Amino acid sequence: MADDQGRGTRRGPGRPRQEHVTRAVLDAVVELVAESGMAALTMDAVAARAGVSKPAMYRRWPTKQDLVIAAAESRIGPLNVPDMGDFRAELRAVLTARMTAYRQPGIARLLAGVIGAAAEQDMVPEGYGAYTARVTSETRHVLERGVTRGDVRPDADLSTATTLVASSLVFRLVAEQRLPDEALVDSVVDLVGRAVAS
């Protein structure tokens, strides 16, 4: 029993340390991109800013692509919108949460970096495909729930509607260089609602 307790005591500190390394590295990525753009983002620079070793980084993120995607997701994060009985209210909840995340310092440059890196010759398409699927999954779920509930048309093009919802805020932020706001959220909800409502 004493050995079991000892092993439990030794294992415990490892997890907070791993979480600390992850947080420090992803924070460093966001800070470097916010300050100097993607050109400043090298594994050496991130390791120095985060105060961690490059081997510790490579164990978690084998490529720069993995690192950039992880940093973006650390700021944007997953969503879980409850059933509100109305797909428009649920879409507004998705868009409002994303708007809030996108208005954080450094996110415009970080998302521009994610998009730019997706076009690089050595990028792995599967990594970005999985990333976009995760980012848009709750919008898709809201629309599918609307079909089941009956307030979204069963023949609606949910894939296109999901793309429109996701891209509206990103385009405003990255291409137009303007912070997305509640007026944009309301407009997107209205436009998508008109397109897919039953």
C-alpha atoms as a PDB file:
ATOM      1  CA  MET A   1       0.000   0.000   0.000  1.00  0.00           C
ATOM      2  CA  ALA A   2       2.834   2.371   0.848  1.00  0.00           C
ATOM      3  CA  ASP A   3       4.336   1.804  -2.621  1.00  0.00           C
ATOM      4  CA  ASP A   4       1.012   2.537  -4.301  1.00  0.00           C
ATOM      5  CA  GLN A   5       0.660   5.739  -2.331  1.00  0.00           C
ATOM      6  CA  GLY A   6       4.205   6.710  -3.224  1.00  0.00           C
ATOM      7  CA  ARG A   7       3.618   6.125  -6.908  1.00  0.00           C
ATOM      8  CA  GLY A   8       0.434   8.170  -6.746  1.00  0.00           C
ATOM      9  CA  THR A   9       2.322  10.996  -5.089  1.00  0.00           C
ATOM     10  CA  ARG A  10       5.020  10.946  -7.767  1.00  0.00           C
ATOM     11  CA  ARG A  11       2.599  10.875 -10.688  1.00  0.00           C
ATOM     12  CA  GLY A  12       0.493  13.804  -9.508  1.00  0.00           C
ATOM     13  CA  PRO A  13       2.990  16.648 -10.075  1.00  0.00           C
ATOM     14  CA  GLY A  14       3.570  15.577 -13.691  1.00  0.00           C
ATOM     15  CA  ARG A  15       0.137  16.571 -14.897  1.00  0.00           C
ATOM     16  CA  PRO A  16       0.221  20.179 -13.698  1.00  0.00           C
ATOM     17  CA  ARG A  17       3.704  20.482 -15.206  1.00  0.00           C
ATOM     18  CA  GLN A  18       2.438  19.239 -18.576  1.00  0.00           C
ATOM     19  CA  GLU A  19      -0.470  21.660 -18.431  1.00  0.00           C
ATOM     20  CA  HIS A  20       1.942  24.471 -17.553  1.00  0.00           C
ATOM     21  CA  VAL A  21       4.164  23.664 -20.548  1.00  0.00           C
ATOM     22  CA  THR A  22       1.174  23.516 -22.892  1.00  0.00           C
ATOM     23  CA  ARG A  23      -0.214  26.823 -21.648  1.00  0.00           C
ATOM     24  CA  ALA A  24       3.180  28.554 -21.738  1.00  0.00           C
ATOM     25  CA  VAL A  25       3.884  27.438 -25.304  1.00  0.00           C
ATOM     26  CA  LEU A  26       0.471  28.313 -26.719  1.00  0.00           C
ATOM     27  CA  ASP A  27       0.531  31.688 -24.952  1.00  0.00           C
ATOM     28  CA  ALA A  28       3.973  32.315 -26.449  1.00  0.00           C
ATOM     29  CA  VAL A  29       2.698  31.550 -29.947  1.00  0.00           C
ATOM     30  CA  VAL A  30      -0.186  34.000 -29.614  1.00  0.00           C
ATOM     31  CA  GLU A  31       2.067  36.711 -28.133  1.00  0.00           C
ATOM     32  CA  LEU A  32       4.743  36.363 -30.820  1.00  0.00           C
ATOM     33  CA  VAL A  33       2.216  36.460 -33.655  1.00  0.00           C
ATOM     34  CA  ALA A  34       0.401  39.427 -32.096  1.00  0.00           C
ATOM     35  CA  GLU A  35       3.653  41.351 -31.688  1.00  0.00           C
ATOM     36  CA  SER A  36       5.491  40.536 -34.917  1.00  0.00           C
ATOM     37  CA  GLY A  37       3.335  38.378 -37.172  1.00  0.00           C
ATOM     38  CA  MET A  38       3.877  34.861 -38.446  1.00  0.00           C
ATOM     39  CA  ALA A  39       7.391  35.675 -39.647  1.00  0.00           C
ATOM     40  CA  ALA A  40       8.504  35.777 -36.015  1.00  0.00           C
ATOM     41  CA  LEU A  41       7.059  32.357 -35.283  1.00  0.00           C
ATOM     42  CA  THR A  42       9.875  29.834 -35.154  1.00  0.00           C
ATOM     43  CA  MET A  43      10.233  26.876 -32.839  1.00  0.00           C
ATOM     44  CA  ASP A  44      13.338  28.525 -31.350  1.00  0.00           C
ATOM     45  CA  ALA A  45      11.490  31.776 -30.648  1.00  0.00           C
ATOM     46  CA  VAL A  46       8.521  29.996 -29.089  1.00  0.00           C
ATOM     47  CA  ALA A  47      10.744  27.827 -26.904  1.00  0.00           C
ATOM     48  CA  ALA A  48      12.678  30.873 -25.701  1.00  0.00           C
ATOM     49  CA  ARG A  49       9.518  32.895 -24.986  1.00  0.00           C
ATOM     50  CA  ALA A  50       7.818  29.989 -23.211  1.00  0.00           C
ATOM     51  CA  GLY A  51      10.908  28.934 -21.267  1.00  0.00           C
ATOM     52  CA  VAL A  52      10.634  25.307 -22.373  1.00  0.00           C
ATOM     53  CA  SER A  53      12.845  22.973 -24.366  1.00  0.00           C
ATOM     54  CA  LYS A  54      12.298  22.311 -28.051  1.00  0.00           C
ATOM     55  CA  PRO A  55      12.088  18.530 -27.443  1.00  0.00           C
ATOM     56  CA  ALA A  56       9.206  19.167 -25.026  1.00  0.00           C
ATOM     57  CA  MET A  57       7.466  21.159 -27.756  1.00  0.00           C
ATOM     58  CA  TYR A  58       8.096  18.632 -30.509  1.00  0.00           C
ATOM     59  CA  ARG A  59       6.652  15.846 -28.374  1.00  0.00           C
ATOM     60  CA  ARG A  60       3.345  17.710 -28.287  1.00  0.00           C
ATOM     61  CA  TRP A  61       3.408  19.478 -31.672  1.00  0.00           C
ATOM     62  CA  PRO A  62       5.615  17.751 -34.257  1.00  0.00           C
ATOM     63  CA  THR A  63       5.242  20.554 -36.799  1.00  0.00           C
ATOM     64  CA  LYS A  64       4.745  24.307 -36.851  1.00  0.00           C
ATOM     65  CA  GLN A  65       1.352  23.648 -38.438  1.00  0.00           C
ATOM     66  CA  ASP A  66       0.302  21.599 -35.402  1.00  0.00           C
ATOM     67  CA  LEU A  67       1.488  24.372 -33.120  1.00  0.00           C
ATOM     68  CA  VAL A  68      -0.374  27.152 -34.930  1.00  0.00           C
ATOM     69  CA  ILE A  69      -3.601  25.165 -35.009  1.00  0.00           C
ATOM     70  CA  ALA A  70      -3.311  24.329 -31.311  1.00  0.00           C
ATOM     71  CA  ALA A  71      -2.695  27.986 -30.462  1.00  0.00           C
ATOM     72  CA  ALA A  72      -5.752  29.076 -32.453  1.00  0.00           C
ATOM     73  CA  GLU A  73      -7.927  26.480 -30.764  1.00  0.00           C
ATOM     74  CA  SER A  74      -6.630  27.484 -27.347  1.00  0.00           C
ATOM     75  CA  ARG A  75      -8.175  30.911 -27.889  1.00  0.00           C
ATOM     76  CA  ILE A  76     -11.269  29.976 -29.857  1.00  0.00           C
ATOM     77  CA  GLY A  77     -12.157  26.716 -28.143  1.00  0.00           C
ATOM     78  CA  PRO A  78     -15.036  24.274 -28.529  1.00  0.00           C
ATOM     79  CA  LEU A  79     -18.675  25.272 -28.122  1.00  0.00           C
ATOM     80  CA  ASN A  80     -21.659  23.472 -26.677  1.00  0.00           C
ATOM     81  CA  VAL A  81     -24.889  25.380 -27.266  1.00  0.00           C
ATOM     82  CA  PRO A  82     -27.944  23.988 -25.448  1.00  0.00           C
ATOM     83  CA  ASP A  83     -31.262  23.368 -27.173  1.00  0.00           C
ATOM     84  CA  MET A  84     -33.053  26.729 -27.010  1.00  0.00           C
ATOM     85  CA  GLY A  85     -36.026  25.615 -29.069  1.00  0.00           C
ATOM     86  CA  ASP A  86     -35.097  27.932 -31.956  1.00  0.00           C
ATOM     87  CA  PHE A  87     -32.194  27.518 -34.354  1.00  0.00           C
ATOM     88  CA  ARG A  88     -31.848  31.295 -34.773  1.00  0.00           C
ATOM     89  CA  ALA A  89     -31.253  31.775 -31.053  1.00  0.00           C
ATOM     90  CA  GLU A  90     -28.730  28.958 -31.127  1.00  0.00           C
ATOM     91  CA  LEU A  91     -26.915  30.388 -34.159  1.00  0.00           C
ATOM     92  CA  ARG A  92     -26.773  33.739 -32.383  1.00  0.00           C
ATOM     93  CA  ALA A  93     -25.189  32.003 -29.372  1.00  0.00           C
ATOM     94  CA  VAL A  94     -22.552  30.386 -31.627  1.00  0.00           C
ATOM     95  CA  LEU A  95     -21.765  33.625 -33.429  1.00  0.00           C
ATOM     96  CA  THR A  96     -21.677  35.684 -30.242  1.00  0.00           C
ATOM     97  CA  ALA A  97     -19.234  33.276 -28.616  1.00  0.00           C
ATOM     98  CA  ARG A  98     -17.016  33.349 -31.701  1.00  0.00           C
ATOM     99  CA  MET A  99     -17.256  37.136 -31.936  1.00  0.00           C
ATOM    100  CA  THR A 100     -16.054  37.442 -28.346  1.00  0.00           C
ATOM    101  CA  ALA A 101     -13.145  35.075 -29.008  1.00  0.00           C
ATOM    102  CA  TYR A 102     -12.149  36.827 -32.234  1.00  0.00           C
ATOM    103  CA  ARG A 103     -12.032  40.212 -30.544  1.00  0.00           C
ATOM    104  CA  GLN A 104      -9.163  39.101 -28.268  1.00  0.00           C
ATOM    105  CA  PRO A 105      -5.775  40.744 -28.888  1.00  0.00           C
ATOM    106  CA  GLY A 106      -3.660  38.912 -31.460  1.00  0.00           C
ATOM    107  CA  ILE A 107      -6.423  36.695 -32.821  1.00  0.00           C
ATOM    108  CA  ALA A 108      -6.664  38.485 -36.189  1.00  0.00           C
ATOM    109  CA  ARG A 109      -2.988  37.847 -36.938  1.00  0.00           C
ATOM    110  CA  LEU A 110      -3.196  34.310 -35.580  1.00  0.00           C
ATOM    111  CA  LEU A 111      -6.162  33.397 -37.777  1.00  0.00           C
ATOM    112  CA  ALA A 112      -4.483  35.046 -40.762  1.00  0.00           C
ATOM    113  CA  GLY A 113      -1.490  32.842 -40.006  1.00  0.00           C
ATOM    114  CA  VAL A 114      -3.636  29.722 -39.838  1.00  0.00           C
ATOM    115  CA  ILE A 115      -5.218  30.560 -43.193  1.00  0.00           C
ATOM    116  CA  GLY A 116      -1.876  31.445 -44.769  1.00  0.00           C
ATOM    117  CA  ALA A 117      -0.174  28.327 -43.465  1.00  0.00           C
ATOM    118  CA  ALA A 118      -2.981  26.221 -44.959  1.00  0.00           C
ATOM    119  CA  ALA A 119      -1.782  27.285 -48.404  1.00  0.00           C
ATOM    120  CA  GLU A 120       1.859  26.376 -47.826  1.00  0.00           C
ATOM    121  CA  GLN A 121       3.324  23.686 -50.036  1.00  0.00           C
ATOM    122  CA  ASP A 122       4.366  21.405 -47.178  1.00  0.00           C
ATOM    123  CA  MET A 123       1.145  21.627 -45.203  1.00  0.00           C
ATOM    124  CA  VAL A 124      -0.855  18.498 -44.331  1.00  0.00           C
ATOM    125  CA  PRO A 125      -4.448  18.933 -45.551  1.00  0.00           C
ATOM    126  CA  GLU A 126      -5.834  16.497 -43.001  1.00  0.00           C
ATOM    127  CA  GLY A 127      -4.682  18.700 -40.144  1.00  0.00           C
ATOM    128  CA  TYR A 128      -6.601  21.706 -41.401  1.00  0.00           C
ATOM    129  CA  GLY A 129      -9.597  19.619 -42.374  1.00  0.00           C
ATOM    130  CA  ALA A 130      -9.842  18.268 -38.846  1.00  0.00           C
ATOM    131  CA  TYR A 131      -9.358  21.755 -37.411  1.00  0.00           C
ATOM    132  CA  THR A 132     -12.123  23.340 -39.493  1.00  0.00           C
ATOM    133  CA  ALA A 133     -14.434  20.431 -38.732  1.00  0.00           C
ATOM    134  CA  ARG A 134     -13.919  20.992 -35.017  1.00  0.00           C
ATOM    135  CA  VAL A 135     -14.382  24.760 -35.285  1.00  0.00           C
ATOM    136  CA  THR A 136     -17.624  24.456 -37.249  1.00  0.00           C
ATOM    137  CA  SER A 137     -19.038  21.352 -35.566  1.00  0.00           C
ATOM    138  CA  GLU A 138     -21.392  23.198 -33.235  1.00  0.00           C
ATOM    139  CA  THR A 139     -22.891  25.272 -36.064  1.00  0.00           C
ATOM    140  CA  ARG A 140     -23.518  22.065 -37.984  1.00  0.00           C
ATOM    141  CA  HIS A 141     -25.037  20.496 -34.875  1.00  0.00           C
ATOM    142  CA  VAL A 142     -27.356  23.486 -34.333  1.00  0.00           C
ATOM    143  CA  LEU A 143     -28.623  23.259 -37.913  1.00  0.00           C
ATOM    144  CA  GLU A 144     -29.071  19.490 -37.776  1.00  0.00           C
ATOM    145  CA  ARG A 145     -30.974  19.867 -34.516  1.00  0.00           C
ATOM    146  CA  GLY A 146     -33.162  22.435 -36.245  1.00  0.00           C
ATOM    147  CA  VAL A 147     -33.972  19.921 -38.991  1.00  0.00           C
ATOM    148  CA  THR A 148     -34.910  17.321 -36.377  1.00  0.00           C
ATOM    149  CA  ARG A 149     -37.007  19.852 -34.480  1.00  0.00           C
ATOM    150  CA  GLY A 150     -38.664  21.100 -37.664  1.00  0.00           C
ATOM    151  CA  ASP A 151     -37.593  24.750 -37.813  1.00  0.00           C
ATOM    152  CA  VAL A 152     -34.859  24.139 -40.422  1.00  0.00           C
ATOM    153  CA  ARG A 153     -35.840  22.794 -43.843  1.00  0.00           C
ATOM    154  CA  PRO A 154     -34.822  19.166 -44.343  1.00  0.00           C
ATOM    155  CA  ASP A 155     -33.556  20.003 -47.842  1.00  0.00           C
ATOM    156  CA  ALA A 156     -31.449  22.966 -46.669  1.00  0.00           C
ATOM    157  CA  ASP A 157     -27.784  22.911 -47.690  1.00  0.00           C
ATOM    158  CA  LEU A 158     -26.354  22.627 -44.192  1.00  0.00           C
ATOM    159  CA  SER A 159     -22.745  22.430 -45.377  1.00  0.00           C
ATOM    160  CA  THR A 160     -22.958  25.764 -47.181  1.00  0.00           C
ATOM    161  CA  ALA A 161     -24.870  27.381 -44.327  1.00  0.00           C
ATOM    162  CA  THR A 162     -22.213  26.206 -41.887  1.00  0.00           C
ATOM    163  CA  THR A 163     -19.474  27.705 -44.076  1.00  0.00           C
ATOM    164  CA  LEU A 164     -21.325  31.025 -44.292  1.00  0.00           C
ATOM    165  CA  VAL A 165     -21.715  31.223 -40.519  1.00  0.00           C
ATOM    166  CA  ALA A 166     -18.062  30.419 -39.856  1.00  0.00           C
ATOM    167  CA  SER A 167     -16.539  32.523 -42.616  1.00  0.00           C
ATOM    168  CA  SER A 168     -18.503  35.716 -42.002  1.00  0.00           C
ATOM    169  CA  LEU A 169     -16.702  36.645 -38.805  1.00  0.00           C
ATOM    170  CA  VAL A 170     -13.303  35.466 -39.999  1.00  0.00           C
ATOM    171  CA  PHE A 171     -13.523  37.467 -43.231  1.00  0.00           C
ATOM    172  CA  ARG A 172     -14.588  40.583 -41.331  1.00  0.00           C
ATOM    173  CA  LEU A 173     -11.650  40.165 -38.953  1.00  0.00           C
ATOM    174  CA  VAL A 174      -8.853  39.029 -41.270  1.00  0.00           C
ATOM    175  CA  ALA A 175      -9.688  40.414 -44.718  1.00  0.00           C
ATOM    176  CA  GLU A 176     -11.580  43.579 -43.800  1.00  0.00           C
ATOM    177  CA  GLN A 177      -9.433  44.256 -40.722  1.00  0.00           C
ATOM    178  CA  ARG A 178     -12.476  45.183 -38.658  1.00  0.00           C
ATOM    179  CA  LEU A 179     -13.632  43.656 -35.403  1.00  0.00           C
ATOM    180  CA  PRO A 180     -16.827  41.634 -35.781  1.00  0.00           C
ATOM    181  CA  ASP A 181     -19.696  43.101 -33.783  1.00  0.00           C
ATOM    182  CA  GLU A 182     -23.272  42.415 -32.753  1.00  0.00           C
ATOM    183  CA  ALA A 183     -24.646  44.057 -35.903  1.00  0.00           C
ATOM    184  CA  LEU A 184     -22.771  41.533 -38.022  1.00  0.00           C
ATOM    185  CA  VAL A 185     -23.980  38.691 -35.812  1.00  0.00           C
ATOM    186  CA  ASP A 186     -27.592  39.843 -36.192  1.00  0.00           C
ATOM    187  CA  SER A 187     -27.230  40.171 -39.977  1.00  0.00           C
ATOM    188  CA  VAL A 188     -25.725  36.708 -40.381  1.00  0.00           C
ATOM    189  CA  VAL A 189     -28.426  35.144 -38.212  1.00  0.00           C
ATOM    190  CA  ASP A 190     -31.096  36.901 -40.283  1.00  0.00           C
ATOM    191  CA  LEU A 191     -29.587  35.959 -43.653  1.00  0.00           C
ATOM    192  CA  VAL A 192     -28.916  32.326 -42.774  1.00  0.00           C
ATOM    193  CA  GLY A 193     -32.294  32.106 -41.072  1.00  0.00           C
ATOM    194  CA  ARG A 194     -34.072  33.266 -44.198  1.00  0.00           C
ATOM    195  CA  ALA A 195     -32.124  30.776 -46.275  1.00  0.00           C
ATOM    196  CA  VAL A 196     -32.758  27.631 -44.220  1.00  0.00           C
ATOM    197  CA  ALA A 197     -35.906  28.211 -42.134  1.00  0.00           C
ATOM    198  CA  SER A 198     -38.786  25.835 -42.726  1.00  0.00           C
END
